[in-house]
Amino acid sequence: MAGLRYREDMDAVRARMTTWWEGGDIGRPAMALTVPRQEPIEHIPIMPAPPGWVTDYSTSNYDYRVNLAARACVNTHYLAEAVPFVVPDLAPNCLALYLGCKGVDMPGTVWCEPVGDRIEDLKFEYDHGNFYWQFSLRLGREMLRMGKGKYLLQFPDLIEGLDTLAAMRGSEQLLIDLIERPEWVQQCLRQITDRYFHYYDVLYDLMRDEVGGSHFWLWAPGRMAKFQCDFSAMISPGMFKQFMLPVLAEMCERVSYCIYHWDGPGAIPHHDHLLSIPHLRMIQWTSGSGVETTGDKRWYPLYHKTIEAGKKMFLYIETVPELEGLCREFGPKLKQFYIIMNLPSLQEAQRVLAMVSD
């Protein structure tokens, strides 16, 4: 194994993360701490943003995407278990683009236009020549070339299940489909899962590191994936159990390390179903806009229940007082958490590490 130019002690990070994933004790929670550098670790010329550029997901200018990737990690210190990475992402639902949606650039994101009004318009076939798939591969290979020995690659945000079908069909129409043609929905979900792993396997072979590890928000020593169902906020626990739980259970079995992105109060009713998935390793809680942040004590019961069910918790914590509250509430159980924090200085990062360590 070897270190990285932007994270020279990457071997030690791998060792700690392997221990933590497998239930061992690293003396504290696993953490990704980042701090701005006063000077970049490497000086790379800045390419001006193209006219009309509104989102860094865009496929409208390949050269600018390459320049963004080249500069992505140079201004950051990576501490604790934080990993320097870049990602050939095209939207917060790349699989829908690969399966026929058109991406529309929006401020800060890319909207996936539904494929068509008729169910016959939806295709779930692998299309090697799909523009978005080829863009992901081309960009990913260039990131690997120019970043060799500097940083890792993260999987594009593929997404799966009902979220992908909603992107292709339209959320309102899919809600109707769940009532009027449930068998058709199940058939679509079967095909989406099959296509997901076709793309995933290609990407894993491209992006895995020298020890077979992979990255999505955090590093794992094998096949890693993030799953989700934001659409679940619009359906009952019964429908979630019928349509999405089998999908998630299968997908969690097909990777070695996985997390579930659990988004907002509307998704809370599905907590018990999530905890029932045997191979789901970790839940990432995102409280959503307009409510208390993830560090607020309102959510502590959710975290206790998750940890007591044998799962790990993943949180983005905004402030040191919020972290102090978690330390008081969870004590040694905090070692089952993965916590991301952006901090203003190296001194503050060291203070945070001392606060949570044995």
Protein backbone atom coordinates (compact mmCIF):
# COMPACT_ATOMS: atom_id res chain seq x y z
CA MET A 1 0.00 0.00 0.00
CA ALA A 2 1.01 3.61 -0.36
CA GLY A 3 0.13 7.04 0.91
CA LEU A 4 -1.27 9.85 -1.17
CA ARG A 5 0.32 13.19 -1.89
CA TYR A 6 -2.73 14.91 -0.39
CA ARG A 7 -2.95 12.38 2.47
CA GLU A 8 0.49 10.93 3.16
CA ASP A 9 -0.72 8.71 6.02
CA MET A 10 -3.43 7.05 3.90
CA ASP A 11 -2.25 3.59 4.98
CA ALA A 12 -3.04 4.48 8.59
CA VAL A 13 -6.45 5.81 7.55
CA ARG A 14 -7.18 2.54 5.77
CA ALA A 15 -6.15 0.55 8.83
CA ARG A 16 -8.33 2.56 11.20
CA MET A 17 -11.35 2.46 8.89
CA THR A 18 -11.01 -1.29 8.39
CA THR A 19 -10.92 -1.80 12.15
CA TRP A 20 -13.91 0.51 12.66
CA TRP A 21 -16.05 -1.05 9.91
CA GLU A 22 -15.43 -4.51 11.35
CA GLY A 23 -16.53 -3.50 14.83
CA GLY A 24 -13.15 -2.78 16.37
CA ASP A 25 -12.24 0.08 18.68
CA ILE A 26 -10.12 2.94 17.33
CA GLY A 27 -10.43 4.88 20.60
CA ARG A 28 -13.01 7.36 19.30
CA PRO A 29 -15.67 7.69 16.60
CA ALA A 30 -14.49 7.57 13.00
CA MET A 31 -14.33 11.15 11.75
CA ALA A 32 -13.71 13.13 8.59
CA LEU A 33 -12.27 16.48 9.62
CA THR A 34 -11.34 19.05 7.00
CA VAL A 35 -9.58 22.38 7.46
CA PRO A 36 -8.82 25.04 4.81
CA ARG A 37 -5.16 25.38 3.85
CA GLN A 38 -3.59 28.82 4.04
CA GLU A 39 -1.66 27.94 0.86
CA PRO A 40 -2.58 25.22 -1.65
CA ILE A 41 -0.51 22.05 -1.47
CA GLU A 42 -0.09 22.31 -5.24
CA HIS A 43 -0.53 25.32 -7.50
CA ILE A 44 -2.82 24.49 -10.43
CA PRO A 45 -3.94 27.22 -12.83
CA ILE A 46 -7.58 28.21 -12.44
CA MET A 47 -9.63 27.95 -15.62
CA PRO A 48 -12.35 30.65 -15.73
CA ALA A 49 -15.92 29.34 -15.43
CA PRO A 50 -17.56 29.08 -18.87
CA PRO A 51 -20.35 31.58 -19.64
CA GLY A 52 -23.64 30.49 -18.11
CA TRP A 53 -22.05 27.89 -15.81
CA VAL A 54 -24.52 27.25 -12.95
CA THR A 55 -23.61 23.81 -11.61
CA ASP A 56 -20.44 21.77 -11.19
CA TYR A 57 -22.41 18.67 -12.25
CA SER A 58 -22.64 20.05 -15.78
CA THR A 59 -21.56 18.15 -18.90
CA SER A 60 -21.49 21.32 -20.99
CA ASN A 61 -17.70 21.81 -20.76
CA TYR A 62 -15.47 18.77 -20.28
CA ASP A 63 -12.23 20.75 -19.94
CA TYR A 64 -13.66 22.85 -17.12
CA ARG A 65 -14.83 19.73 -15.29
CA VAL A 66 -11.27 18.38 -15.56
CA ASN A 67 -9.86 21.63 -14.17
CA LEU A 68 -12.33 21.59 -11.28
CA ALA A 69 -11.24 18.06 -10.41
CA ALA A 70 -7.56 18.95 -10.59
CA ARG A 71 -8.10 21.75 -8.06
CA ALA A 72 -10.68 20.02 -5.85
CA CYS A 73 -8.36 18.88 -3.04
CA VAL A 74 -5.42 21.28 -3.11
CA ASN A 75 -6.85 23.80 -0.62
CA THR A 76 -7.80 21.37 2.14
CA HIS A 77 -6.13 19.57 5.06
CA TYR A 78 -7.55 16.06 5.55
CA LEU A 79 -7.51 14.86 9.16
CA ALA A 80 -8.71 11.85 11.17
CA GLU A 81 -10.29 9.56 8.54
CA ALA A 82 -11.02 12.21 5.88
CA VAL A 83 -9.95 11.17 2.39
CA PRO A 84 -9.09 13.45 -0.54
CA PHE A 85 -11.33 12.44 -3.42
CA VAL A 86 -12.88 13.61 -6.67
CA VAL A 87 -15.98 12.26 -8.40
CA PRO A 88 -17.18 12.14 -12.03
CA ASP A 89 -20.71 13.04 -10.94
CA LEU A 90 -23.31 14.33 -13.40
CA ALA A 91 -26.45 14.65 -11.24
CA PRO A 92 -27.89 13.45 -7.95
CA ASN A 93 -29.27 10.50 -9.96
CA CYS A 94 -26.76 9.39 -12.57
CA LEU A 95 -28.48 6.05 -13.19
CA ALA A 96 -31.58 7.86 -14.46
CA LEU A 97 -29.37 9.72 -16.97
CA TYR A 98 -27.74 6.48 -18.09
CA LEU A 99 -31.23 4.99 -18.61
CA GLY A 100 -32.57 7.77 -20.80
CA CYS A 101 -33.39 10.90 -18.82
CA LYS A 102 -32.06 14.22 -20.06
CA GLY A 103 -30.11 16.35 -17.62
CA VAL A 104 -31.08 20.00 -17.27
CA ASP A 105 -28.54 22.27 -15.58
CA MET A 106 -30.02 24.13 -12.61
CA PRO A 107 -28.31 26.30 -9.97
CA GLY A 108 -26.21 23.89 -7.94
CA THR A 109 -27.71 20.72 -9.39
CA VAL A 110 -28.94 18.88 -12.48
CA TRP A 111 -32.62 18.06 -12.92
CA CYS A 112 -33.44 14.74 -14.60
CA GLU A 113 -36.29 15.22 -17.06
CA PRO A 114 -38.73 12.28 -17.10
CA VAL A 115 -38.31 10.05 -20.14
CA GLY A 116 -41.87 10.27 -21.48
CA ASP A 117 -45.57 10.09 -20.74
CA ARG A 118 -46.10 6.46 -21.73
CA ILE A 119 -44.83 3.44 -19.86
CA GLU A 120 -43.57 2.17 -23.22
CA ASP A 121 -41.14 5.09 -23.28
CA LEU A 122 -39.19 3.73 -20.32
CA LYS A 123 -36.31 1.45 -21.23
CA PHE A 124 -34.03 -0.27 -18.76
CA GLU A 125 -31.39 -1.52 -21.14
CA TYR A 126 -27.64 -1.00 -20.90
CA ASP A 127 -26.66 1.51 -23.59
CA HIS A 128 -22.90 1.59 -23.95
CA GLY A 129 -23.11 4.67 -26.17
CA ASN A 130 -25.28 6.73 -23.81
CA PHE A 131 -23.82 10.26 -23.71
CA TYR A 132 -23.88 10.55 -19.91
CA TRP A 133 -22.35 7.12 -19.34
CA GLN A 134 -19.54 7.86 -21.76
CA PHE A 135 -18.98 11.28 -20.14
CA SER A 136 -18.70 9.65 -16.69
CA LEU A 137 -16.20 7.10 -17.99
CA ARG A 138 -14.12 9.65 -19.89
CA LEU A 139 -14.03 12.04 -16.95
CA GLY A 140 -13.33 9.27 -14.45
CA ARG A 141 -10.42 7.91 -16.46
CA GLU A 142 -8.91 11.39 -16.78
CA MET A 143 -9.32 11.94 -13.04
CA LEU A 144 -7.49 8.69 -12.43
CA ARG A 145 -4.69 9.66 -14.78
CA MET A 146 -4.04 13.13 -13.41
CA GLY A 147 -4.72 12.19 -9.79
CA LYS A 148 -2.61 9.04 -9.57
CA GLY A 149 -0.93 9.04 -6.17
CA LYS A 150 -2.74 12.21 -5.09
CA TYR A 151 -6.37 11.35 -4.31
CA LEU A 152 -9.05 8.67 -4.68
CA LEU A 153 -12.12 8.54 -6.89
CA GLN A 154 -15.62 8.42 -5.45
CA PHE A 155 -18.54 6.69 -7.14
CA PRO A 156 -20.97 8.92 -9.02
CA ASP A 157 -24.28 9.25 -7.20
CA LEU A 158 -26.06 6.47 -9.08
CA ILE A 159 -29.22 6.16 -6.92
CA GLU A 160 -31.65 3.28 -7.33
CA GLY A 161 -35.13 1.92 -6.75
CA LEU A 162 -38.11 4.24 -6.47
CA ASP A 163 -35.98 7.39 -6.66
CA THR A 164 -34.64 6.38 -10.06
CA LEU A 165 -38.07 5.31 -11.29
CA ALA A 166 -39.53 8.61 -10.06
CA ALA A 167 -36.86 10.51 -12.02
CA MET A 168 -37.71 8.56 -15.16
CA ARG A 169 -41.49 8.55 -14.75
CA GLY A 170 -42.19 11.71 -12.72
CA SER A 171 -43.04 11.56 -9.01
CA GLU A 172 -46.76 12.33 -9.36
CA GLN A 173 -47.24 9.72 -12.05
CA LEU A 174 -45.31 7.13 -10.06
CA LEU A 175 -47.58 7.68 -7.07
CA ILE A 176 -50.50 6.80 -9.33
CA ASP A 177 -48.61 3.80 -10.73
CA LEU A 178 -48.13 2.38 -7.24
CA ILE A 179 -51.93 2.14 -6.97
CA GLU A 180 -52.96 1.38 -10.53
CA ARG A 181 -50.15 -0.87 -11.79
CA PRO A 182 -48.13 -2.21 -8.83
CA GLU A 183 -46.94 -5.26 -10.78
CA TRP A 184 -45.45 -3.01 -13.44
CA VAL A 185 -43.66 -0.98 -10.76
CA GLN A 186 -42.17 -4.18 -9.32
CA GLN A 187 -40.97 -5.21 -12.78
CA CYS A 188 -39.33 -1.81 -13.26
CA LEU A 189 -37.60 -2.01 -9.89
CA ARG A 190 -36.22 -5.44 -10.79
CA GLN A 191 -34.71 -4.07 -14.00
CA ILE A 192 -33.36 -0.93 -12.29
CA THR A 193 -31.53 -3.04 -9.72
CA ASP A 194 -30.00 -5.20 -12.44
CA ARG A 195 -28.85 -2.15 -14.40
CA TYR A 196 -27.51 -0.49 -11.24
CA PHE A 197 -25.08 -3.31 -10.64
CA HIS A 198 -24.06 -3.47 -14.29
CA TYR A 199 -22.87 0.14 -14.02
CA TYR A 200 -21.62 -0.24 -10.45
CA ASP A 201 -19.39 -3.19 -11.32
CA VAL A 202 -17.76 -1.29 -14.19
CA LEU A 203 -17.20 1.74 -11.95
CA TYR A 204 -15.84 -0.32 -9.07
CA ASP A 205 -13.29 -1.98 -11.33
CA LEU A 206 -12.27 1.47 -12.57
CA MET A 207 -12.18 3.31 -9.24
CA ARG A 208 -11.15 0.83 -6.55
CA ASP A 209 -7.83 1.55 -4.90
CA GLU A 210 -4.82 -0.73 -4.69
CA VAL A 211 -6.29 -2.75 -1.80
CA GLY A 212 -9.76 -3.07 -3.35
CA GLY A 213 -11.22 -0.27 -1.24
CA SER A 214 -13.77 2.19 -2.55
CA HIS A 215 -15.31 5.48 -1.49
CA PHE A 216 -18.70 7.13 -1.15
CA TRP A 217 -18.57 9.85 1.55
CA LEU A 218 -16.20 7.56 3.44
CA TRP A 219 -13.66 4.87 2.61
CA ALA A 220 -14.34 1.17 3.04
CA PRO A 221 -12.03 -1.81 2.45
CA GLY A 222 -14.16 -3.33 -0.31
CA ARG A 223 -17.29 -2.75 -2.38
CA MET A 224 -18.91 0.37 -0.94
CA ALA A 225 -22.29 1.93 -1.79
CA LYS A 226 -24.75 4.55 -0.60
CA PHE A 227 -28.45 3.69 -0.96
CA GLN A 228 -31.52 5.86 -0.44
CA CYS A 229 -35.22 6.41 -1.05
CA ASP A 230 -36.14 10.08 -0.74
CA PHE A 231 -39.42 9.15 -2.46
CA SER A 232 -40.31 7.30 0.76
CA ALA A 233 -41.46 10.59 2.33
CA MET A 234 -44.50 10.38 0.04
CA ILE A 235 -45.57 6.80 0.81
CA SER A 236 -46.72 4.79 3.81
CA PRO A 237 -44.58 2.28 5.71
CA GLY A 238 -46.73 -0.43 4.16
CA MET A 239 -45.87 0.70 0.64
CA PHE A 240 -42.22 1.10 1.59
CA LYS A 241 -42.21 -2.48 2.84
CA GLN A 242 -43.92 -3.74 -0.30
CA PHE A 243 -41.89 -1.92 -2.93
CA MET A 244 -38.59 -0.69 -1.53
CA LEU A 245 -37.60 -2.96 1.34
CA PRO A 246 -36.91 -5.99 -0.92
CA VAL A 247 -34.84 -3.80 -3.24
CA LEU A 248 -32.71 -2.47 -0.39
CA ALA A 249 -32.31 -5.88 1.23
CA GLU A 250 -30.98 -7.35 -2.02
CA MET A 251 -28.72 -4.41 -2.78
CA CYS A 252 -27.19 -4.44 0.70
CA GLU A 253 -26.37 -8.12 0.21
CA ARG A 254 -24.54 -7.39 -3.04
CA VAL A 255 -21.96 -4.99 -1.56
CA SER A 256 -19.73 -5.50 1.45
CA TYR A 257 -20.12 -2.03 2.97
CA CYS A 258 -23.19 0.17 2.63
CA ILE A 259 -24.92 3.16 4.12
CA TYR A 260 -28.48 4.40 3.77
CA HIS A 261 -29.11 8.11 3.19
CA TRP A 262 -32.15 8.77 5.42
CA ASP A 263 -33.49 12.18 4.50
CA GLY A 264 -35.85 14.29 6.56
CA PRO A 265 -38.72 13.91 9.03
CA GLY A 266 -41.03 12.51 6.35
CA ALA A 267 -38.81 9.41 6.16
CA ILE A 268 -38.84 8.68 9.91
CA PRO A 269 -41.86 6.31 9.75
CA HIS A 270 -39.71 3.82 7.82
CA HIS A 271 -37.04 3.55 10.53
CA ASP A 272 -38.10 0.10 11.74
CA HIS A 273 -38.02 -1.29 8.21
CA LEU A 274 -34.51 0.07 7.69
CA LEU A 275 -33.30 -1.47 10.93
CA SER A 276 -34.69 -4.84 9.83
CA ILE A 277 -32.31 -5.06 6.82
CA PRO A 278 -29.63 -7.55 7.94
CA HIS A 279 -26.78 -6.34 5.74
CA LEU A 280 -27.38 -2.60 6.10
CA ARG A 281 -24.31 -1.41 8.00
CA MET A 282 -24.97 2.26 8.66
CA ILE A 283 -27.61 4.99 8.44
CA GLN A 284 -26.80 8.57 7.53
CA TRP A 285 -29.39 10.93 8.98
CA THR A 286 -30.04 14.22 7.20
CA SER A 287 -32.62 16.30 9.01
CA GLY A 288 -33.53 18.46 6.01
CA SER A 289 -34.20 22.15 5.66
CA GLY A 290 -36.35 24.16 8.05
CA VAL A 291 -35.86 21.86 11.04
CA GLU A 292 -33.22 21.32 13.71
CA THR A 293 -29.74 20.31 12.54
CA THR A 294 -28.49 16.73 12.85
CA GLY A 295 -26.62 17.63 16.05
CA ASP A 296 -29.80 18.68 17.85
CA LYS A 297 -31.04 16.59 20.79
CA ARG A 298 -34.42 16.19 19.08
CA TRP A 299 -32.88 13.39 17.02
CA TYR A 300 -31.05 11.59 19.85
CA PRO A 301 -33.77 8.91 20.22
CA LEU A 302 -33.34 8.00 16.54
CA TYR A 303 -29.61 7.60 17.04
CA HIS A 304 -30.02 5.49 20.18
CA LYS A 305 -32.48 3.20 18.44
CA THR A 306 -30.16 2.79 15.44
CA ILE A 307 -27.11 1.98 17.54
CA GLU A 308 -29.07 -0.42 19.74
CA ALA A 309 -30.17 -2.27 16.58
CA GLY A 310 -26.53 -2.93 15.73
CA LYS A 311 -26.17 -0.30 12.99
CA LYS A 312 -23.70 2.56 12.81
CA MET A 313 -24.71 6.23 12.59
CA PHE A 314 -23.35 8.77 10.12
CA LEU A 315 -23.79 12.49 10.84
CA TYR A 316 -22.62 15.83 9.52
CA ILE A 317 -22.12 18.01 12.60
CA GLU A 318 -21.92 21.77 12.15
CA THR A 319 -20.60 23.03 15.50
CA VAL A 320 -18.34 21.96 18.35
CA PRO A 321 -21.12 22.50 20.97
CA GLU A 322 -23.27 20.01 19.03
CA LEU A 323 -20.42 17.50 19.17
CA GLU A 324 -20.03 18.12 22.91
CA GLY A 325 -23.72 17.34 23.34
CA LEU A 326 -23.32 14.05 21.48
CA CYS A 327 -20.34 13.15 23.68
CA ARG A 328 -22.40 13.71 26.84
CA GLU A 329 -25.41 11.81 25.52
CA PHE A 330 -23.75 8.77 23.97
CA GLY A 331 -20.45 8.34 25.83
CA PRO A 332 -18.69 5.17 24.59
CA LYS A 333 -21.52 4.54 22.10
CA LEU A 334 -20.23 7.51 20.12
CA LYS A 335 -17.55 5.14 18.80
CA GLN A 336 -20.26 3.67 16.55
CA PHE A 337 -20.66 7.02 14.77
CA TYR A 338 -19.00 8.41 11.67
CA ILE A 339 -18.90 12.20 11.99
CA ILE A 340 -18.03 14.78 9.37
CA MET A 341 -16.98 18.28 10.43
CA ASN A 342 -15.49 21.24 8.59
CA LEU A 343 -13.30 23.22 11.01
CA PRO A 344 -11.56 26.59 10.75
CA SER A 345 -8.07 25.62 11.92
CA LEU A 346 -5.73 22.73 12.62
CA GLN A 347 -5.74 23.69 16.31
CA GLU A 348 -9.53 23.36 16.44
CA ALA A 349 -9.33 20.00 14.70
CA GLN A 350 -6.85 18.73 17.27
CA ARG A 351 -9.10 20.01 20.07
CA VAL A 352 -12.03 18.10 18.58
CA LEU A 353 -10.01 14.88 18.31
CA ALA A 354 -8.90 15.19 21.92
CA MET A 355 -12.50 15.79 23.00
CA VAL A 356 -13.78 12.51 21.52
CA SER A 357 -10.77 10.27 22.21
CA ASP A 358 -10.28 7.85 25.11
